[in-house]
């Protein structure tokens, strides 16, 4: 008689869900504290307290305050905690695949407005902290490099469609896009000048078309 006992396969789904939920709580608390108190003044201990998470757990999940900042930026940029780079998300891929150059720019004006609605505050905090905090400075430099790389794809898409004006190189187009879609210009218009998000999006779409379409 076979008395072999079959063991059930271990299912760690519940554990992974709890870990993800804890990470989300820590990230949300960190973003609130970074915006309210600044990056240098916010400690891992204060983030742990605000998220009601043991300090040891925060360090186990993230390792450092810099890693927490990176996670905050990832969520602010993407709108969720899915491990998918922004340029690979379906909405971005669909915008890049748009055959009409004007509609392509309109789509990216909308995406830019949505992204900056989520991330402008934390990006402003990061830019201010970079002057005094080496970790923040390194994260800001990487973020700007990644933003230029991503927005250069718009210039390449326009060039592939032969949509750029005579004499405008792909590099110059990328520089214009990088400037017009910058969080700094967004802050001037929406915070200093009090523009609504819809007004900003309309202006951005109109300006991108005027500058980039031949």
N, C-alpha and C. Protein backbone atom coordinates (compact mmCIF):
# COMPACT_ATOMS: atom_id res chain seq x y z
N UNK A 1 0.85 -1.20 0.00
CA UNK A 1 0.00 0.00 0.00
C UNK A 1 0.88 1.24 0.00
N UNK A 2 0.58 2.16 -0.89
CA UNK A 2 1.39 3.38 -1.02
C UNK A 2 0.94 4.39 0.03
N UNK A 3 1.84 4.65 0.99
CA UNK A 3 1.50 5.60 2.05
C UNK A 3 2.13 6.98 1.81
N UNK A 4 2.61 7.24 0.58
CA UNK A 4 3.25 8.52 0.28
C UNK A 4 2.26 9.66 0.44
N UNK A 5 2.67 10.66 1.19
CA UNK A 5 1.82 11.83 1.40
C UNK A 5 2.23 12.91 0.41
N UNK A 6 1.29 13.35 -0.40
CA UNK A 6 1.57 14.41 -1.37
C UNK A 6 1.45 15.78 -0.71
N UNK A 7 2.50 16.57 -0.85
CA UNK A 7 2.48 17.92 -0.29
C UNK A 7 1.88 18.90 -1.30
N UNK A 8 1.06 19.79 -0.77
CA UNK A 8 0.50 20.80 -1.65
C UNK A 8 1.58 21.82 -2.03
N UNK A 9 1.54 22.25 -3.27
CA UNK A 9 2.50 23.26 -3.71
C UNK A 9 2.28 24.55 -2.91
N UNK A 10 3.39 25.15 -2.50
CA UNK A 10 3.31 26.37 -1.70
C UNK A 10 2.86 27.53 -2.57
N UNK A 11 1.82 28.22 -2.15
CA UNK A 11 1.27 29.36 -2.88
C UNK A 11 1.60 30.63 -2.08
N UNK A 12 2.49 31.45 -2.63
CA UNK A 12 2.89 32.67 -1.92
C UNK A 12 2.17 33.91 -2.46
N UNK A 13 1.04 33.69 -3.16
CA UNK A 13 0.32 34.82 -3.74
C UNK A 13 -0.09 35.82 -2.67
N UNK A 14 -0.62 35.32 -1.57
CA UNK A 14 -1.08 36.21 -0.49
C UNK A 14 0.09 37.02 0.06
N UNK A 15 1.22 36.37 0.23
CA UNK A 15 2.39 37.07 0.76
C UNK A 15 2.85 38.16 -0.19
N UNK A 16 2.85 37.88 -1.49
CA UNK A 16 3.25 38.88 -2.47
C UNK A 16 2.28 40.06 -2.50
N UNK A 17 1.00 39.76 -2.34
CA UNK A 17 0.00 40.84 -2.31
C UNK A 17 0.21 41.75 -1.10
N UNK A 18 0.50 41.14 0.04
CA UNK A 18 0.74 41.94 1.25
C UNK A 18 2.00 42.79 1.10
N UNK A 19 3.04 42.20 0.50
CA UNK A 19 4.28 42.96 0.29
C UNK A 19 4.03 44.14 -0.64
N UNK A 20 3.29 43.90 -1.70
CA UNK A 20 2.99 44.98 -2.65
C UNK A 20 2.16 46.07 -1.98
N UNK A 21 1.20 45.68 -1.16
CA UNK A 21 0.38 46.66 -0.47
C UNK A 21 1.22 47.49 0.50
N UNK A 22 2.15 46.83 1.19
CA UNK A 22 3.03 47.54 2.11
C UNK A 22 3.92 48.53 1.37
N UNK A 23 4.49 48.09 0.26
CA UNK A 23 5.31 48.98 -0.56
C UNK A 23 4.50 50.21 -1.00
N UNK A 24 3.26 49.98 -1.41
CA UNK A 24 2.42 51.09 -1.87
C UNK A 24 2.16 52.08 -0.74
N UNK A 25 1.94 51.58 0.47
CA UNK A 25 1.70 52.46 1.61
C UNK A 25 2.94 53.27 1.94
N UNK A 26 4.11 52.63 1.87
CA UNK A 26 5.37 53.34 2.14
C UNK A 26 5.60 54.42 1.08
N UNK A 27 5.39 54.08 -0.17
CA UNK A 27 5.60 55.04 -1.26
C UNK A 27 4.65 56.23 -1.12
N UNK A 28 3.38 55.97 -0.83
CA UNK A 28 2.41 57.05 -0.69
C UNK A 28 2.78 57.97 0.48
N UNK A 29 3.19 57.37 1.60
CA UNK A 29 3.60 58.17 2.75
C UNK A 29 4.85 58.98 2.45
N UNK A 30 5.79 58.37 1.75
CA UNK A 30 7.03 59.07 1.40
C UNK A 30 6.75 60.26 0.50
N UNK A 31 5.88 60.09 -0.48
CA UNK A 31 5.57 61.21 -1.36
C UNK A 31 4.96 62.37 -0.58
N UNK A 32 4.05 62.06 0.32
CA UNK A 32 3.44 63.12 1.13
C UNK A 32 4.50 63.87 1.94
N UNK A 33 5.41 63.12 2.56
CA UNK A 33 6.42 63.75 3.40
C UNK A 33 7.45 64.51 2.56
N UNK A 34 7.86 63.95 1.43
CA UNK A 34 8.82 64.65 0.57
C UNK A 34 8.26 65.99 0.13
N UNK A 35 6.98 66.01 -0.26
CA UNK A 35 6.36 67.25 -0.74
C UNK A 35 6.16 68.23 0.42
N UNK A 36 5.77 67.73 1.57
CA UNK A 36 5.48 68.61 2.70
C UNK A 36 6.74 69.13 3.39
N UNK A 37 7.73 68.25 3.58
CA UNK A 37 8.90 68.59 4.40
C UNK A 37 10.20 68.70 3.61
N UNK A 38 10.20 68.24 2.36
CA UNK A 38 11.43 68.23 1.57
C UNK A 38 12.12 66.88 1.68
N UNK A 39 12.96 66.59 0.68
CA UNK A 39 13.66 65.31 0.68
C UNK A 39 14.72 65.22 1.77
N UNK A 40 15.61 66.22 1.94
CA UNK A 40 16.65 66.10 2.96
C UNK A 40 16.11 65.95 4.37
N UNK A 41 15.00 66.63 4.68
CA UNK A 41 14.47 66.62 6.04
C UNK A 41 13.68 65.36 6.36
N UNK A 42 13.27 64.63 5.35
CA UNK A 42 12.49 63.42 5.56
C UNK A 42 13.41 62.23 5.82
N UNK A 43 13.15 61.52 6.88
CA UNK A 43 13.97 60.36 7.23
C UNK A 43 13.22 59.07 6.94
N UNK A 44 13.97 57.99 6.85
CA UNK A 44 13.34 56.68 6.68
C UNK A 44 12.45 56.37 7.88
N UNK A 45 12.89 56.81 9.06
CA UNK A 45 12.10 56.57 10.27
C UNK A 45 10.76 57.30 10.20
N UNK A 46 10.76 58.54 9.70
CA UNK A 46 9.50 59.28 9.60
C UNK A 46 8.59 58.66 8.55
N UNK A 47 9.17 58.14 7.48
CA UNK A 47 8.37 57.45 6.46
C UNK A 47 7.75 56.19 7.05
N UNK A 48 8.54 55.45 7.82
CA UNK A 48 8.03 54.23 8.47
C UNK A 48 6.88 54.57 9.40
N UNK A 49 7.04 55.63 10.18
CA UNK A 49 5.98 56.02 11.12
C UNK A 49 4.72 56.44 10.37
N UNK A 50 4.88 57.25 9.32
CA UNK A 50 3.72 57.75 8.57
C UNK A 50 2.98 56.63 7.85
N UNK A 51 3.70 55.60 7.45
CA UNK A 51 3.07 54.48 6.74
C UNK A 51 2.68 53.34 7.67
N UNK A 52 2.96 53.52 8.97
CA UNK A 52 2.67 52.49 9.97
C UNK A 52 3.33 51.16 9.60
N UNK A 53 4.60 51.29 9.21
CA UNK A 53 5.38 50.12 8.81
C UNK A 53 6.65 50.07 9.65
N UNK A 54 7.04 48.93 10.17
CA UNK A 54 8.29 48.86 10.94
C UNK A 54 9.48 49.34 10.11
N UNK A 55 10.38 50.04 10.77
CA UNK A 55 11.56 50.58 10.07
C UNK A 55 12.34 49.46 9.39
N UNK A 56 12.47 48.33 10.08
CA UNK A 56 13.22 47.21 9.51
C UNK A 56 12.56 46.72 8.22
N UNK A 57 11.25 46.75 8.18
CA UNK A 57 10.54 46.33 6.97
C UNK A 57 10.78 47.30 5.83
N UNK A 58 10.78 48.59 6.14
CA UNK A 58 11.03 49.61 5.10
C UNK A 58 12.42 49.40 4.51
N UNK A 59 13.41 49.18 5.36
CA UNK A 59 14.77 48.94 4.86
C UNK A 59 14.84 47.63 4.07
N UNK A 60 14.11 46.62 4.52
CA UNK A 60 14.13 45.35 3.79
C UNK A 60 13.52 45.50 2.40
N UNK A 61 12.47 46.30 2.29
CA UNK A 61 11.79 46.46 1.00
C UNK A 61 12.52 47.41 0.05
N UNK A 62 13.19 48.43 0.60
CA UNK A 62 13.77 49.47 -0.26
C UNK A 62 15.28 49.63 -0.11
N UNK A 63 15.80 49.42 1.07
CA UNK A 63 17.24 49.51 1.26
C UNK A 63 17.75 50.87 1.64
N UNK A 64 17.17 51.94 1.09
CA UNK A 64 17.67 53.28 1.37
C UNK A 64 16.60 54.32 1.04
N UNK A 65 16.80 55.54 1.52
CA UNK A 65 15.87 56.62 1.21
C UNK A 65 15.91 56.96 -0.28
N UNK A 66 17.09 56.84 -0.89
CA UNK A 66 17.19 57.09 -2.33
C UNK A 66 16.33 56.11 -3.11
N UNK A 67 16.31 54.85 -2.72
CA UNK A 67 15.49 53.86 -3.40
C UNK A 67 14.00 54.15 -3.21
N UNK A 68 13.65 54.66 -2.04
CA UNK A 68 12.26 55.06 -1.82
C UNK A 68 11.90 56.21 -2.77
N UNK A 69 12.80 57.18 -2.90
CA UNK A 69 12.56 58.29 -3.83
C UNK A 69 12.36 57.80 -5.25
N UNK A 70 13.19 56.86 -5.68
CA UNK A 70 13.05 56.30 -7.03
C UNK A 70 11.68 55.63 -7.21
N UNK A 71 11.23 54.93 -6.18
CA UNK A 71 9.92 54.28 -6.25
C UNK A 71 8.81 55.31 -6.30
N UNK A 72 8.95 56.38 -5.55
CA UNK A 72 7.96 57.47 -5.59
C UNK A 72 7.87 58.06 -6.99
N UNK A 73 9.02 58.30 -7.60
CA UNK A 73 9.04 58.86 -8.95
C UNK A 73 8.43 57.89 -9.96
N UNK A 74 8.74 56.62 -9.84
CA UNK A 74 8.20 55.61 -10.77
C UNK A 74 6.67 55.62 -10.73
N UNK A 75 6.11 55.65 -9.53
CA UNK A 75 4.66 55.65 -9.39
C UNK A 75 4.07 56.96 -9.90
N UNK A 76 4.74 58.08 -9.60
CA UNK A 76 4.24 59.37 -10.06
C UNK A 76 4.27 59.47 -11.58
N UNK A 77 5.30 58.94 -12.19
CA UNK A 77 5.39 58.98 -13.65
C UNK A 77 4.38 58.04 -14.31
N UNK A 78 4.33 56.81 -13.84
CA UNK A 78 3.49 55.81 -14.49
C UNK A 78 2.05 55.80 -14.05
N UNK A 79 1.78 56.32 -12.86
CA UNK A 79 0.42 56.32 -12.34
C UNK A 79 0.06 55.08 -11.55
N UNK A 80 0.98 54.11 -11.49
CA UNK A 80 0.76 52.89 -10.72
C UNK A 80 2.12 52.27 -10.42
N UNK A 81 2.11 51.12 -9.74
CA UNK A 81 3.37 50.49 -9.36
C UNK A 81 3.73 49.31 -10.26
N UNK A 82 3.11 49.24 -11.43
CA UNK A 82 3.46 48.18 -12.36
C UNK A 82 4.90 48.38 -12.86
N UNK A 83 5.69 47.29 -12.92
CA UNK A 83 7.10 47.43 -13.33
C UNK A 83 7.25 47.52 -14.85
N UNK A 84 6.58 48.53 -15.43
CA UNK A 84 6.62 48.73 -16.88
C UNK A 84 7.17 50.12 -17.17
N UNK A 85 8.28 50.23 -17.90
CA UNK A 85 8.81 51.56 -18.23
C UNK A 85 7.75 52.41 -18.93
N UNK A 86 7.81 53.71 -18.72
CA UNK A 86 6.77 54.59 -19.26
C UNK A 86 6.67 54.47 -20.77
N UNK A 87 7.82 54.40 -21.46
CA UNK A 87 7.77 54.37 -22.92
C UNK A 87 7.22 53.07 -23.49
N UNK A 88 7.10 52.05 -22.62
CA UNK A 88 6.56 50.77 -23.08
C UNK A 88 5.09 50.58 -22.72
N UNK A 89 4.51 51.58 -22.09
CA UNK A 89 3.10 51.47 -21.72
C UNK A 89 2.22 51.60 -22.95
N UNK A 90 1.07 50.91 -22.97
CA UNK A 90 0.23 50.90 -24.16
C UNK A 90 -0.16 52.29 -24.66
N UNK A 91 -0.46 53.22 -23.76
CA UNK A 91 -0.89 54.55 -24.22
C UNK A 91 0.24 55.28 -24.94
N UNK A 92 1.48 55.08 -24.47
CA UNK A 92 2.62 55.73 -25.11
C UNK A 92 2.90 55.07 -26.46
N UNK A 93 2.85 53.76 -26.50
CA UNK A 93 3.10 53.04 -27.75
C UNK A 93 2.03 53.40 -28.78
N UNK A 94 0.80 53.56 -28.34
CA UNK A 94 -0.27 53.95 -29.25
C UNK A 94 -0.05 55.36 -29.79
N UNK A 95 0.41 56.27 -28.93
CA UNK A 95 0.67 57.63 -29.37
C UNK A 95 1.79 57.66 -30.40
N UNK A 96 2.85 56.91 -30.16
CA UNK A 96 3.97 56.87 -31.10
C UNK A 96 3.58 56.23 -32.43
N UNK A 97 2.58 55.37 -32.40
CA UNK A 97 2.15 54.69 -33.63
C UNK A 97 1.13 55.50 -34.42
N UNK A 98 0.67 56.62 -33.87
CA UNK A 98 -0.31 57.45 -34.57
C UNK A 98 0.27 57.96 -35.89
N UNK A 99 -0.38 57.65 -37.01
CA UNK A 99 0.18 58.06 -38.30
C UNK A 99 0.10 59.56 -38.59
N UNK A 100 -0.88 60.22 -38.03
CA UNK A 100 -1.03 61.66 -38.27
C UNK A 100 -0.14 62.44 -37.30
N UNK A 101 0.83 63.24 -37.80
CA UNK A 101 1.76 63.94 -36.91
C UNK A 101 1.07 64.88 -35.93
N UNK A 102 0.05 65.58 -36.38
CA UNK A 102 -0.65 66.49 -35.48
C UNK A 102 -1.35 65.75 -34.35
N UNK A 103 -2.03 64.66 -34.68
CA UNK A 103 -2.69 63.87 -33.64
C UNK A 103 -1.67 63.22 -32.71
N UNK A 104 -0.52 62.87 -33.25
CA UNK A 104 0.55 62.32 -32.42
C UNK A 104 0.96 63.34 -31.36
N UNK A 105 1.16 64.59 -31.78
CA UNK A 105 1.54 65.63 -30.82
C UNK A 105 0.42 65.93 -29.83
N UNK A 106 -0.82 65.91 -30.30
CA UNK A 106 -1.95 66.10 -29.39
C UNK A 106 -1.97 65.01 -28.32
N UNK A 107 -1.68 63.77 -28.73
CA UNK A 107 -1.68 62.66 -27.78
C UNK A 107 -0.60 62.84 -26.73
N UNK A 108 0.57 63.30 -27.16
CA UNK A 108 1.65 63.48 -26.19
C UNK A 108 1.43 64.71 -25.31
N UNK A 109 0.73 65.71 -25.83
CA UNK A 109 0.37 66.84 -24.97
C UNK A 109 -0.55 66.36 -23.84
N UNK A 110 -1.47 65.49 -24.17
CA UNK A 110 -2.36 64.94 -23.14
C UNK A 110 -1.59 64.07 -22.16
N UNK A 111 -0.72 63.20 -22.67
CA UNK A 111 0.07 62.34 -21.80
C UNK A 111 0.98 63.15 -20.89
N UNK A 112 1.58 64.20 -21.44
CA UNK A 112 2.46 65.06 -20.64
C UNK A 112 1.67 65.75 -19.53
N UNK A 113 0.49 66.26 -19.87
CA UNK A 113 -0.32 66.92 -18.86
C UNK A 113 -0.70 65.95 -17.75
N UNK A 114 -1.10 64.73 -18.12
CA UNK A 114 -1.49 63.74 -17.11
C UNK A 114 -0.30 63.36 -16.24
N UNK A 115 0.86 63.16 -16.85
CA UNK A 115 2.05 62.80 -16.09
C UNK A 115 2.45 63.92 -15.13
N UNK A 116 2.42 65.16 -15.60
CA UNK A 116 2.82 66.28 -14.75
C UNK A 116 1.78 66.58 -13.69
N UNK A 117 0.51 66.31 -13.97
CA UNK A 117 -0.49 66.44 -12.91
C UNK A 117 -0.13 65.55 -11.73
N UNK A 118 0.40 64.36 -12.03
CA UNK A 118 0.76 63.40 -10.97
C UNK A 118 2.10 63.72 -10.33
N UNK A 119 3.04 64.19 -11.13
CA UNK A 119 4.44 64.19 -10.68
C UNK A 119 5.07 65.57 -10.50
N UNK A 120 4.40 66.63 -10.88
CA UNK A 120 5.04 67.96 -10.86
C UNK A 120 5.52 68.34 -9.46
N UNK A 121 4.72 68.05 -8.46
CA UNK A 121 5.09 68.46 -7.10
C UNK A 121 6.35 67.74 -6.63
N UNK A 122 6.42 66.43 -6.83
CA UNK A 122 7.60 65.69 -6.37
C UNK A 122 8.81 66.03 -7.23
N UNK A 123 8.61 66.34 -8.52
CA UNK A 123 9.74 66.75 -9.35
C UNK A 123 10.29 68.10 -8.89
N UNK A 124 9.42 68.99 -8.46
CA UNK A 124 9.88 70.28 -7.94
C UNK A 124 10.68 70.09 -6.66
N UNK A 125 10.22 69.19 -5.80
CA UNK A 125 10.95 68.88 -4.57
C UNK A 125 12.33 68.32 -4.91
N UNK A 126 12.37 67.43 -5.87
CA UNK A 126 13.63 66.81 -6.27
C UNK A 126 14.61 67.85 -6.81
N UNK A 127 14.12 68.75 -7.65
CA UNK A 127 15.00 69.79 -8.21
C UNK A 127 15.55 70.69 -7.12
N UNK A 128 14.74 71.02 -6.14
CA UNK A 128 15.22 71.86 -5.04
C UNK A 128 16.22 71.14 -4.16
N UNK A 129 15.97 69.86 -3.91
CA UNK A 129 16.86 69.09 -3.04
C UNK A 129 18.20 68.82 -3.69
N UNK A 130 18.23 68.78 -5.02
CA UNK A 130 19.46 68.41 -5.73
C UNK A 130 20.61 69.36 -5.46
N UNK A 131 20.29 70.60 -5.12
CA UNK A 131 21.34 71.59 -4.86
C UNK A 131 22.15 71.25 -3.62
N UNK A 132 21.56 70.51 -2.68
CA UNK A 132 22.25 70.25 -1.42
C UNK A 132 22.44 68.77 -1.10
N UNK A 133 21.71 67.91 -1.77
CA UNK A 133 21.74 66.49 -1.43
C UNK A 133 22.30 65.68 -2.60
N UNK A 134 23.41 64.99 -2.42
CA UNK A 134 24.02 64.23 -3.52
C UNK A 134 23.11 63.14 -4.10
N UNK A 135 22.36 62.46 -3.23
CA UNK A 135 21.45 61.43 -3.72
C UNK A 135 20.38 62.04 -4.62
N UNK A 136 19.82 63.16 -4.18
CA UNK A 136 18.80 63.83 -4.99
C UNK A 136 19.37 64.33 -6.30
N UNK A 137 20.60 64.84 -6.25
CA UNK A 137 21.25 65.33 -7.48
C UNK A 137 21.45 64.20 -8.47
N UNK A 138 21.86 63.05 -8.00
CA UNK A 138 22.07 61.90 -8.89
C UNK A 138 20.75 61.43 -9.49
N UNK A 139 19.71 61.38 -8.67
CA UNK A 139 18.40 60.95 -9.17
C UNK A 139 17.87 61.95 -10.19
N UNK A 140 18.05 63.25 -9.92
CA UNK A 140 17.59 64.28 -10.86
C UNK A 140 18.30 64.17 -12.20
N UNK A 141 19.62 63.97 -12.17
CA UNK A 141 20.38 63.85 -13.41
C UNK A 141 19.90 62.65 -14.23
N UNK A 142 19.67 61.53 -13.56
CA UNK A 142 19.19 60.34 -14.25
C UNK A 142 17.79 60.57 -14.81
N UNK A 143 16.94 61.22 -14.02
CA UNK A 143 15.58 61.48 -14.46
C UNK A 143 15.55 62.36 -15.70
N UNK A 144 16.38 63.39 -15.71
CA UNK A 144 16.42 64.29 -16.86
C UNK A 144 16.97 63.58 -18.10
N UNK A 145 17.97 62.76 -17.91
CA UNK A 145 18.51 62.01 -19.03
C UNK A 145 17.47 61.06 -19.61
N UNK A 146 16.73 60.39 -18.75
CA UNK A 146 15.70 59.46 -19.20
C UNK A 146 14.57 60.22 -19.89
N UNK A 147 14.23 61.39 -19.37
CA UNK A 147 13.16 62.18 -19.99
C UNK A 147 13.58 62.63 -21.39
N UNK A 148 14.82 63.07 -21.54
CA UNK A 148 15.28 63.48 -22.87
C UNK A 148 15.27 62.30 -23.84
N UNK A 149 15.73 61.16 -23.37
CA UNK A 149 15.73 59.97 -24.22
C UNK A 149 14.31 59.61 -24.65
N UNK A 150 13.39 59.64 -23.70
CA UNK A 150 12.01 59.29 -24.02
C UNK A 150 11.36 60.29 -24.96
N UNK A 151 11.56 61.57 -24.71
CA UNK A 151 10.93 62.58 -25.55
C UNK A 151 11.59 62.69 -26.92
N UNK A 152 12.82 62.22 -27.02
CA UNK A 152 13.46 62.18 -28.33
C UNK A 152 12.76 61.21 -29.27
N UNK A 153 12.05 60.24 -28.70
CA UNK A 153 11.30 59.30 -29.54
C UNK A 153 10.19 60.02 -30.31
N UNK A 154 9.66 61.10 -29.73
CA UNK A 154 8.64 61.88 -30.44
C UNK A 154 9.26 62.55 -31.66
N UNK A 155 10.46 63.12 -31.47
CA UNK A 155 11.15 63.76 -32.60
C UNK A 155 11.46 62.74 -33.68
N UNK A 156 11.88 61.54 -33.28
CA UNK A 156 12.18 60.51 -34.26
C UNK A 156 10.93 60.10 -35.02
N UNK A 157 9.80 60.00 -34.31
CA UNK A 157 8.55 59.62 -34.97
C UNK A 157 8.14 60.68 -35.99
N UNK A 158 8.33 61.95 -35.66
CA UNK A 158 8.00 63.02 -36.61
C UNK A 158 8.93 62.98 -37.81
N UNK A 159 10.21 62.74 -37.55
CA UNK A 159 11.17 62.67 -38.66
C UNK A 159 10.85 61.49 -39.57
N UNK A 160 10.46 60.37 -39.00
CA UNK A 160 10.11 59.20 -39.80
C UNK A 160 8.91 59.48 -40.70
N UNK A 161 8.05 60.39 -40.26
CA UNK A 161 6.87 60.75 -41.06
C UNK A 161 7.14 61.95 -41.97
N UNK A 162 8.39 62.41 -42.00
CA UNK A 162 8.79 63.56 -42.81
C UNK A 162 7.94 64.79 -42.48
N UNK A 163 7.66 64.95 -41.18
CA UNK A 163 6.76 66.02 -40.75
C UNK A 163 7.49 67.26 -40.26
N UNK A 164 8.79 67.18 -40.02
CA UNK A 164 9.53 68.33 -39.48
C UNK A 164 9.71 69.40 -40.56
N UNK A 165 9.73 70.68 -40.16
CA UNK A 165 9.93 71.76 -41.13
C UNK A 165 11.31 71.65 -41.79
N UNK A 166 11.44 72.25 -42.95
CA UNK A 166 12.73 72.29 -43.63
C UNK A 166 13.77 72.94 -42.74
N UNK A 167 14.92 72.31 -42.65
CA UNK A 167 16.01 72.87 -41.87
C UNK A 167 16.02 72.46 -40.40
N UNK A 168 14.96 71.82 -39.93
CA UNK A 168 14.94 71.39 -38.52
C UNK A 168 15.44 69.96 -38.42
N UNK A 169 16.51 69.80 -37.66
CA UNK A 169 17.06 68.47 -37.44
C UNK A 169 16.28 67.74 -36.36
N UNK A 170 16.48 66.45 -36.29
CA UNK A 170 15.82 65.67 -35.25
C UNK A 170 16.32 66.09 -33.87
N UNK A 171 17.60 66.45 -33.78
CA UNK A 171 18.15 66.88 -32.49
C UNK A 171 17.52 68.18 -32.03
N UNK A 172 17.36 69.14 -32.95
CA UNK A 172 16.74 70.41 -32.58
C UNK A 172 15.29 70.18 -32.17
N UNK A 173 14.59 69.30 -32.88
CA UNK A 173 13.21 68.99 -32.52
C UNK A 173 13.14 68.37 -31.13
N UNK A 174 14.07 67.47 -30.83
CA UNK A 174 14.10 66.85 -29.50
C UNK A 174 14.36 67.89 -28.42
N UNK A 175 15.24 68.84 -28.70
CA UNK A 175 15.52 69.90 -27.73
C UNK A 175 14.28 70.75 -27.46
N UNK A 176 13.54 71.07 -28.50
CA UNK A 176 12.32 71.86 -28.34
C UNK A 176 11.27 71.09 -27.53
N UNK A 177 11.11 69.82 -27.84
CA UNK A 177 10.14 69.00 -27.10
C UNK A 177 10.53 68.91 -25.63
N UNK A 178 11.81 68.67 -25.38
CA UNK A 178 12.32 68.56 -24.01
C UNK A 178 12.03 69.85 -23.23
N UNK A 179 12.17 70.98 -23.88
CA UNK A 179 11.93 72.27 -23.21
C UNK A 179 10.45 72.52 -23.00
N UNK A 180 9.66 72.35 -24.05
CA UNK A 180 8.23 72.67 -23.96
C UNK A 180 7.50 71.74 -23.01
N UNK A 181 7.95 70.50 -22.89
CA UNK A 181 7.27 69.53 -22.04
C UNK A 181 7.94 69.41 -20.66
N UNK A 182 8.75 70.37 -20.31
CA UNK A 182 9.50 70.29 -19.05
C UNK A 182 8.61 70.56 -17.85
N UNK A 183 8.93 69.96 -16.71
CA UNK A 183 8.18 70.26 -15.48
C UNK A 183 8.38 71.69 -15.02
N UNK A 184 9.52 72.29 -15.38
CA UNK A 184 9.76 73.68 -14.99
C UNK A 184 8.77 74.62 -15.68
N UNK A 185 8.57 74.45 -16.98
CA UNK A 185 7.64 75.30 -17.71
C UNK A 185 6.20 75.02 -17.28
N UNK A 186 5.90 73.76 -17.03
CA UNK A 186 4.58 73.41 -16.52
C UNK A 186 4.30 74.11 -15.21
N UNK A 187 5.30 74.18 -14.32
CA UNK A 187 5.10 74.82 -13.03
C UNK A 187 4.88 76.33 -13.19
N UNK A 188 5.63 76.95 -14.08
CA UNK A 188 5.45 78.39 -14.31
C UNK A 188 4.00 78.68 -14.71
N UNK A 189 3.49 77.90 -15.63
CA UNK A 189 2.16 78.18 -16.17
C UNK A 189 1.03 77.77 -15.22
N UNK A 190 1.15 76.60 -14.58
CA UNK A 190 0.04 76.10 -13.77
C UNK A 190 0.08 76.55 -12.32
N UNK A 191 1.28 76.82 -11.80
CA UNK A 191 1.39 77.24 -10.40
C UNK A 191 1.56 78.76 -10.32
N UNK A 192 2.60 79.29 -10.97
CA UNK A 192 2.85 80.73 -10.89
C UNK A 192 1.76 81.55 -11.58
N UNK A 193 1.32 81.08 -12.76
CA UNK A 193 0.33 81.84 -13.52
C UNK A 193 -1.08 81.31 -13.35
N UNK A 194 -1.23 80.19 -12.67
CA UNK A 194 -2.55 79.70 -12.32
C UNK A 194 -3.38 79.10 -13.44
N UNK A 195 -2.69 78.62 -14.49
CA UNK A 195 -3.45 77.99 -15.59
C UNK A 195 -4.08 76.69 -15.12
N UNK A 196 -5.24 76.37 -15.69
CA UNK A 196 -5.87 75.07 -15.42
C UNK A 196 -5.15 73.99 -16.22
N UNK A 197 -5.27 72.73 -15.81
CA UNK A 197 -4.65 71.65 -16.58
C UNK A 197 -5.11 71.62 -18.04
N UNK A 198 -6.39 71.86 -18.28
CA UNK A 198 -6.89 71.81 -19.66
C UNK A 198 -6.32 72.94 -20.50
N UNK A 199 -6.17 74.13 -19.90
CA UNK A 199 -5.57 75.23 -20.63
C UNK A 199 -4.12 74.92 -20.97
N UNK A 200 -3.40 74.35 -20.01
CA UNK A 200 -2.01 73.97 -20.26
C UNK A 200 -1.92 72.95 -21.39
N UNK A 201 -2.77 71.94 -21.37
CA UNK A 201 -2.72 70.91 -22.41
C UNK A 201 -3.01 71.50 -23.79
N UNK A 202 -4.00 72.38 -23.86
CA UNK A 202 -4.33 73.00 -25.15
C UNK A 202 -3.17 73.84 -25.66
N UNK A 203 -2.58 74.62 -24.76
CA UNK A 203 -1.42 75.44 -25.15
C UNK A 203 -0.27 74.56 -25.62
N UNK A 204 0.00 73.48 -24.90
CA UNK A 204 1.13 72.62 -25.24
C UNK A 204 0.90 71.98 -26.61
N UNK A 205 -0.28 71.48 -26.85
CA UNK A 205 -0.56 70.85 -28.14
C UNK A 205 -0.43 71.86 -29.28
N UNK A 206 -0.97 73.05 -29.07
CA UNK A 206 -0.90 74.09 -30.11
C UNK A 206 0.54 74.52 -30.37
N UNK A 207 1.32 74.66 -29.32
CA UNK A 207 2.70 75.11 -29.46
C UNK A 207 3.58 74.05 -30.08
N UNK A 208 3.37 72.80 -29.69
CA UNK A 208 4.13 71.70 -30.31
C UNK A 208 3.85 71.65 -31.81
N UNK A 209 2.59 71.78 -32.19
CA UNK A 209 2.25 71.77 -33.62
C UNK A 209 2.92 72.94 -34.35
N UNK A 210 2.85 74.12 -33.74
CA UNK A 210 3.39 75.31 -34.40
C UNK A 210 4.91 75.23 -34.58
N UNK A 211 5.59 74.62 -33.61
CA UNK A 211 7.04 74.57 -33.64
C UNK A 211 7.59 73.41 -34.45
N UNK A 212 6.83 72.31 -34.54
CA UNK A 212 7.43 71.06 -35.03
C UNK A 212 6.87 70.55 -36.35
N UNK A 213 5.78 71.11 -36.81
CA UNK A 213 5.20 70.59 -38.04
C UNK A 213 5.47 71.53 -39.21
N UNK A 214 5.99 70.96 -40.29
CA UNK A 214 6.30 71.76 -41.46
C UNK A 214 5.07 71.96 -42.33
